[in-house]
Amino acid sequence: MVSSPSGINCGNTCSGSFSTGTQVILTAMAGVGSVFTGWGGDCSGCGTNTTCDVMMNVDKTCTAGFEDMTQQVFNDVPPGHWAFEYINGIYHRGITSGCSSNPLIYCPDSSVTRAKMAVFIVKAFL
């Protein structure tokens, strides 16, 4: 996470001091193999936007959530699969839940209908 004005640039944990009345813009930056999942604490109102505007009128605590995308999600999409990162990415963003939940599988060789693609597109922009 970084801030504007500068003062926060961190890894796992961090803090910064700003004068009362300062408007601070926090930016969540996912590292390689992870995806930003949303803000918490005093920034929970910013949802999953990668930036969050914070007015420093009192002490505030904001958290940025990230999820590891390098772990296998679907039983039929192992880490060596050519689309592993893409399929995990749309799963972690809530765009797909796969084709079966017990066991959790994606069915990567199945065709995608126009209706399914429409759902993917709508979910991607919500």
C-alpha atoms as a PDB file:
ATOM      1  CA  MET A   1       0.000   0.000   0.000  1.00  0.00           C
ATOM      2  CA  VAL A   2       1.202   3.502  -0.760  1.00  0.00           C
ATOM      3  CA  SER A   3      -0.209   6.941   0.016  1.00  0.00           C
ATOM      4  CA  SER A   4      -0.501  10.353  -1.538  1.00  0.00           C
ATOM      5  CA  PRO A   5       0.810  12.563  -0.035  1.00  0.00           C
ATOM      6  CA  SER A   6       3.768  10.270   0.573  1.00  0.00           C
ATOM      7  CA  GLY A   7       4.243   8.826   4.014  1.00  0.00           C
ATOM      8  CA  ILE A   8       3.103   5.228   3.575  1.00  0.00           C
ATOM      9  CA  ASN A   9       4.931   2.665   1.449  1.00  0.00           C
ATOM     10  CA  CYS A  10       4.763  -0.752   2.992  1.00  0.00           C
ATOM     11  CA  GLY A  11       4.803  -4.510   2.751  1.00  0.00           C
ATOM     12  CA  ASN A  12       2.901  -6.609   5.307  1.00  0.00           C
ATOM     13  CA  THR A  13       2.339  -3.913   7.950  1.00  0.00           C
ATOM     14  CA  CYS A  14       2.870  -0.183   8.046  1.00  0.00           C
ATOM     15  CA  SER A  15       1.772   3.137   9.481  1.00  0.00           C
ATOM     16  CA  GLY A  16       2.101   6.809   8.711  1.00  0.00           C
ATOM     17  CA  SER A  17       1.489  10.169  10.338  1.00  0.00           C
ATOM     18  CA  PHE A  18      -0.455  12.973   8.676  1.00  0.00           C
ATOM     19  CA  SER A  19      -1.620  16.368   9.909  1.00  0.00           C
ATOM     20  CA  THR A  20      -5.269  16.778  10.891  1.00  0.00           C
ATOM     21  CA  GLY A  21      -7.313  17.835   7.869  1.00  0.00           C
ATOM     22  CA  THR A  22      -5.048  16.128   5.334  1.00  0.00           C
ATOM     23  CA  GLN A  23      -6.810  14.247   2.518  1.00  0.00           C
ATOM     24  CA  VAL A  24      -4.863  11.006   2.019  1.00  0.00           C
ATOM     25  CA  ILE A  25      -5.310   8.727  -0.979  1.00  0.00           C
ATOM     26  CA  LEU A  26      -4.330   5.128  -0.221  1.00  0.00           C
ATOM     27  CA  THR A  27      -3.529   2.804  -3.116  1.00  0.00           C
ATOM     28  CA  ALA A  28      -3.540  -0.979  -2.720  1.00  0.00           C
ATOM     29  CA  MET A  29      -0.935  -2.714  -4.844  1.00  0.00           C
ATOM     30  CA  ALA A  30      -1.120  -6.497  -5.134  1.00  0.00           C
ATOM     31  CA  GLY A  31       2.176  -8.298  -5.382  1.00  0.00           C
ATOM     32  CA  VAL A  32       2.995 -10.988  -7.899  1.00  0.00           C
ATOM     33  CA  GLY A  33       0.693 -13.960  -7.395  1.00  0.00           C
ATOM     34  CA  SER A  34      -1.900 -12.112  -5.320  1.00  0.00           C
ATOM     35  CA  VAL A  35      -5.092 -10.146  -5.898  1.00  0.00           C
ATOM     36  CA  PHE A  36      -6.507  -7.223  -3.946  1.00  0.00           C
ATOM     37  CA  THR A  37      -9.757  -8.282  -2.219  1.00  0.00           C
ATOM     38  CA  GLY A  38     -10.882  -5.057  -0.568  1.00  0.00           C
ATOM     39  CA  TRP A  39     -10.477  -2.488   2.191  1.00  0.00           C
ATOM     40  CA  GLY A  40     -11.267  -2.947   5.863  1.00  0.00           C
ATOM     41  CA  GLY A  41     -11.387  -0.914   9.039  1.00  0.00           C
ATOM     42  CA  ASP A  42     -11.964   2.805   8.521  1.00  0.00           C
ATOM     43  CA  CYS A  43     -11.644   2.242   4.760  1.00  0.00           C
ATOM     44  CA  SER A  44     -14.314  -0.468   4.461  1.00  0.00           C
ATOM     45  CA  GLY A  45     -16.573   1.976   2.601  1.00  0.00           C
ATOM     46  CA  CYS A  46     -14.129   1.949  -0.320  1.00  0.00           C
ATOM     47  CA  GLY A  47     -14.989  -1.678  -1.107  1.00  0.00           C
ATOM     48  CA  THR A  48     -12.781  -3.244  -3.749  1.00  0.00           C
ATOM     49  CA  ASN A  49     -11.623  -0.014  -5.411  1.00  0.00           C
ATOM     50  CA  THR A  50      -7.829  -0.038  -5.488  1.00  0.00           C
ATOM     51  CA  THR A  51      -7.746   3.542  -4.177  1.00  0.00           C
ATOM     52  CA  CYS A  52      -9.366   4.959  -1.059  1.00  0.00           C
ATOM     53  CA  ASP A  53      -9.662   8.625  -0.053  1.00  0.00           C
ATOM     54  CA  VAL A  54      -9.289   9.184   3.682  1.00  0.00           C
ATOM     55  CA  MET A  55      -9.797  12.509   5.500  1.00  0.00           C
ATOM     56  CA  MET A  56      -7.467  12.583   8.488  1.00  0.00           C
ATOM     57  CA  ASN A  57      -9.702  14.230  11.100  1.00  0.00           C
ATOM     58  CA  VAL A  58      -9.008  11.562  13.787  1.00  0.00           C
ATOM     59  CA  ASP A  59      -6.683   8.552  14.094  1.00  0.00           C
ATOM     60  CA  LYS A  60      -7.756   5.943  11.546  1.00  0.00           C
ATOM     61  CA  THR A  61      -6.912   2.337  10.850  1.00  0.00           C
ATOM     62  CA  CYS A  62      -7.278   1.005   7.320  1.00  0.00           C
ATOM     63  CA  THR A  63      -6.488  -2.491   6.138  1.00  0.00           C
ATOM     64  CA  ALA A  64      -5.972  -3.737   2.592  1.00  0.00           C
ATOM     65  CA  GLY A  65      -6.880  -7.388   1.966  1.00  0.00           C
ATOM     66  CA  PHE A  66      -5.010  -9.589  -0.481  1.00  0.00           C
ATOM     67  CA  GLU A  67      -5.499 -13.207  -1.472  1.00  0.00           C
ATOM     68  CA  ASP A  68      -2.839 -15.630  -2.660  1.00  0.00           C
ATOM     69  CA  MET A  69      -3.643 -16.710  -6.211  1.00  0.00           C
ATOM     70  CA  THR A  70      -0.828 -19.233  -6.458  1.00  0.00           C
ATOM     71  CA  GLN A  71      -2.775 -21.898  -4.549  1.00  0.00           C
ATOM     72  CA  GLN A  72      -4.841 -24.370  -6.564  1.00  0.00           C
ATOM     73  CA  VAL A  73      -8.576 -23.588  -6.334  1.00  0.00           C
ATOM     74  CA  PHE A  74     -10.143 -26.055  -8.781  1.00  0.00           C
ATOM     75  CA  ASN A  75      -9.282 -29.764  -8.705  1.00  0.00           C
ATOM     76  CA  ASP A  76      -9.115 -29.890 -12.520  1.00  0.00           C
ATOM     77  CA  VAL A  77      -6.910 -26.778 -12.998  1.00  0.00           C
ATOM     78  CA  PRO A  78      -3.478 -27.537 -11.508  1.00  0.00           C
ATOM     79  CA  PRO A  79      -0.703 -24.913 -11.285  1.00  0.00           C
ATOM     80  CA  GLY A  80       0.865 -26.192 -14.529  1.00  0.00           C
ATOM     81  CA  HIS A  81      -2.314 -25.622 -16.569  1.00  0.00           C
ATOM     82  CA  TRP A  82      -1.865 -22.925 -19.254  1.00  0.00           C
ATOM     83  CA  ALA A  83      -4.885 -20.955 -17.928  1.00  0.00           C
ATOM     84  CA  PHE A  84      -4.228 -21.474 -14.189  1.00  0.00           C
ATOM     85  CA  GLU A  85      -3.621 -17.775 -13.386  1.00  0.00           C
ATOM     86  CA  TYR A  86      -6.554 -16.575 -15.485  1.00  0.00           C
ATOM     87  CA  ILE A  87      -9.040 -19.068 -14.047  1.00  0.00           C
ATOM     88  CA  ASN A  88      -7.874 -18.418 -10.474  1.00  0.00           C
ATOM     89  CA  GLY A  89      -8.128 -14.681 -11.174  1.00  0.00           C
ATOM     90  CA  ILE A  90     -11.763 -14.791 -12.268  1.00  0.00           C
ATOM     91  CA  TYR A  91     -12.590 -17.059  -9.334  1.00  0.00           C
ATOM     92  CA  HIS A  92     -11.005 -14.702  -6.777  1.00  0.00           C
ATOM     93  CA  ARG A  93     -12.799 -11.726  -8.350  1.00  0.00           C
ATOM     94  CA  GLY A  94     -16.157 -13.480  -7.971  1.00  0.00           C
ATOM     95  CA  ILE A  95     -16.708 -13.839 -11.720  1.00  0.00           C
ATOM     96  CA  THR A  96     -17.008 -17.628 -11.698  1.00  0.00           C
ATOM     97  CA  SER A  97     -17.527 -20.379  -9.160  1.00  0.00           C
ATOM     98  CA  GLY A  98     -16.742 -23.208 -11.567  1.00  0.00           C
ATOM     99  CA  CYS A  99     -19.058 -25.870 -12.933  1.00  0.00           C
ATOM    100  CA  SER A 100     -19.344 -28.045  -9.822  1.00  0.00           C
ATOM    101  CA  SER A 101     -18.894 -27.365  -6.123  1.00  0.00           C
ATOM    102  CA  ASN A 102     -18.385 -30.892  -4.769  1.00  0.00           C
ATOM    103  CA  PRO A 103     -15.609 -31.358  -5.668  1.00  0.00           C
ATOM    104  CA  LEU A 104     -14.760 -27.814  -6.772  1.00  0.00           C
ATOM    105  CA  ILE A 105     -14.003 -28.073 -10.489  1.00  0.00           C
ATOM    106  CA  TYR A 106     -13.930 -25.580 -13.353  1.00  0.00           C
ATOM    107  CA  CYS A 107     -14.366 -27.833 -16.434  1.00  0.00           C
ATOM    108  CA  PRO A 108     -11.715 -25.979 -18.492  1.00  0.00           C
ATOM    109  CA  ASP A 109     -12.401 -28.043 -21.624  1.00  0.00           C
ATOM    110  CA  SER A 110     -16.137 -27.242 -21.698  1.00  0.00           C
ATOM    111  CA  SER A 111     -17.513 -24.701 -24.133  1.00  0.00           C
ATOM    112  CA  VAL A 112     -18.634 -21.316 -22.860  1.00  0.00           C
ATOM    113  CA  THR A 113     -22.084 -20.314 -24.125  1.00  0.00           C
ATOM    114  CA  ARG A 114     -22.989 -16.760 -25.051  1.00  0.00           C
ATOM    115  CA  ALA A 115     -25.166 -16.622 -21.919  1.00  0.00           C
ATOM    116  CA  LYS A 116     -22.273 -17.689 -19.662  1.00  0.00           C
ATOM    117  CA  MET A 117     -19.967 -15.168 -21.334  1.00  0.00           C
ATOM    118  CA  ALA A 118     -22.553 -12.425 -20.747  1.00  0.00           C
ATOM    119  CA  VAL A 119     -22.586 -13.315 -17.035  1.00  0.00           C
ATOM    120  CA  PHE A 120     -18.769 -13.225 -16.912  1.00  0.00           C
ATOM    121  CA  ILE A 121     -18.704  -9.781 -18.529  1.00  0.00           C
ATOM    122  CA  VAL A 122     -21.385  -8.315 -16.255  1.00  0.00           C
ATOM    123  CA  LYS A 123     -19.723  -9.696 -13.103  1.00  0.00           C
ATOM    124  CA  ALA A 124     -16.347  -8.355 -14.225  1.00  0.00           C
ATOM    125  CA  PHE A 125     -17.672  -4.780 -14.272  1.00  0.00           C
ATOM    126  CA  LEU A 126     -19.783  -4.812 -11.103  1.00  0.00           C
END
